Structure formats: structure tokens, C-alpha cells
Amino acid sequence: MIGQNDAGTPSRGEQIEAAEREAARRRLLAQAEADRIPVEETTRAVPDRRRHG
């Protein structure tokens, strides 16, 4: 395969790219968790009681 040596292991560049992708994935997950609003802090939707029509 392209980018792999005879032993079938990823090249050093591919290993670095994979590590960078994993680090970026972890950063995104950490940011999403930090931005998450716990369900206890959200308000429940209340149906609109006004008549339409």
C-alpha cells in the first residue's frame, strides 16, 4: 500500500498524522463536554395554550 513500508506498518508521517487527529478529536470532545448544558438546567417545553384560528 502507499505510505506503508514492507512490514505493513504505517510510516512515521502517518503515525504523526494519526496522533494529531486523535488529539484533535479529544480536544473537540472535551470542548463539547464543557459546553454541554445538563438536562437538569434546561427548562421543560410548555405547550402553547392559545387557540389558533
Protein backbone atom coordinates (compact mmCIF):
# COMPACT_ATOMS: atom_id res chain seq x y z
CA MET A 1 0.00 0.00 0.00
CA ILE A 2 1.06 3.58 -0.48
CA GLY A 3 2.63 5.13 2.63
CA GLN A 4 3.40 1.80 4.30
CA ASN A 5 6.71 0.03 4.48
CA ASP A 6 7.31 -3.63 3.64
CA ALA A 7 6.28 -4.76 7.13
CA GLY A 8 2.82 -3.25 6.63
CA THR A 9 3.23 -0.72 9.42
CA PRO A 10 2.29 2.94 8.93
CA SER A 11 5.06 5.37 8.07
CA ARG A 12 6.31 7.85 10.67
CA GLY A 13 4.39 10.63 8.92
CA GLU A 14 1.17 8.61 9.06
CA GLN A 15 1.76 7.87 12.74
CA ILE A 16 2.18 11.60 13.44
CA GLU A 17 -0.97 12.43 11.46
CA ALA A 18 -2.95 9.78 13.33
CA ALA A 19 -1.73 11.15 16.67
CA GLU A 20 -2.68 14.68 15.61
CA ARG A 21 -6.15 13.52 14.53
CA GLU A 22 -6.63 11.74 17.85
CA ALA A 23 -5.51 14.82 19.79
CA ALA A 24 -7.91 17.00 17.79
CA ARG A 25 -10.74 14.53 18.40
CA ARG A 26 -10.06 14.59 22.14
CA ARG A 27 -9.98 18.40 22.16
CA LEU A 28 -13.33 18.55 20.34
CA LEU A 29 -14.90 16.07 22.74
CA ALA A 30 -13.56 17.98 25.75
CA GLN A 31 -14.91 21.26 24.35
CA ALA A 32 -18.31 19.71 23.63
CA GLU A 33 -18.47 18.35 27.16
CA ALA A 34 -17.52 21.75 28.59
CA ASP A 35 -20.26 23.43 26.51
CA ARG A 36 -22.90 20.84 27.35
CA ILE A 37 -25.85 22.02 29.44
CA PRO A 38 -27.00 19.38 31.93
CA VAL A 39 -30.61 18.36 31.40
CA GLU A 40 -31.42 19.44 34.96
CA GLU A 41 -30.61 23.04 33.99
CA THR A 42 -32.84 23.18 30.93
CA THR A 43 -36.46 24.19 31.01
CA ARG A 44 -39.24 21.87 30.01
CA ALA A 45 -41.20 22.82 26.92
CA VAL A 46 -44.69 24.05 27.76
CA PRO A 47 -47.39 23.62 25.12
CA ASP A 48 -48.86 26.77 23.65
CA ARG A 49 -52.33 27.09 25.20
CA ARG A 50 -53.50 29.85 22.89
CA ARG A 51 -56.14 28.93 20.36
CA HIS A 52 -55.06 29.12 16.75
CA GLY A 53 -57.76 30.09 14.32
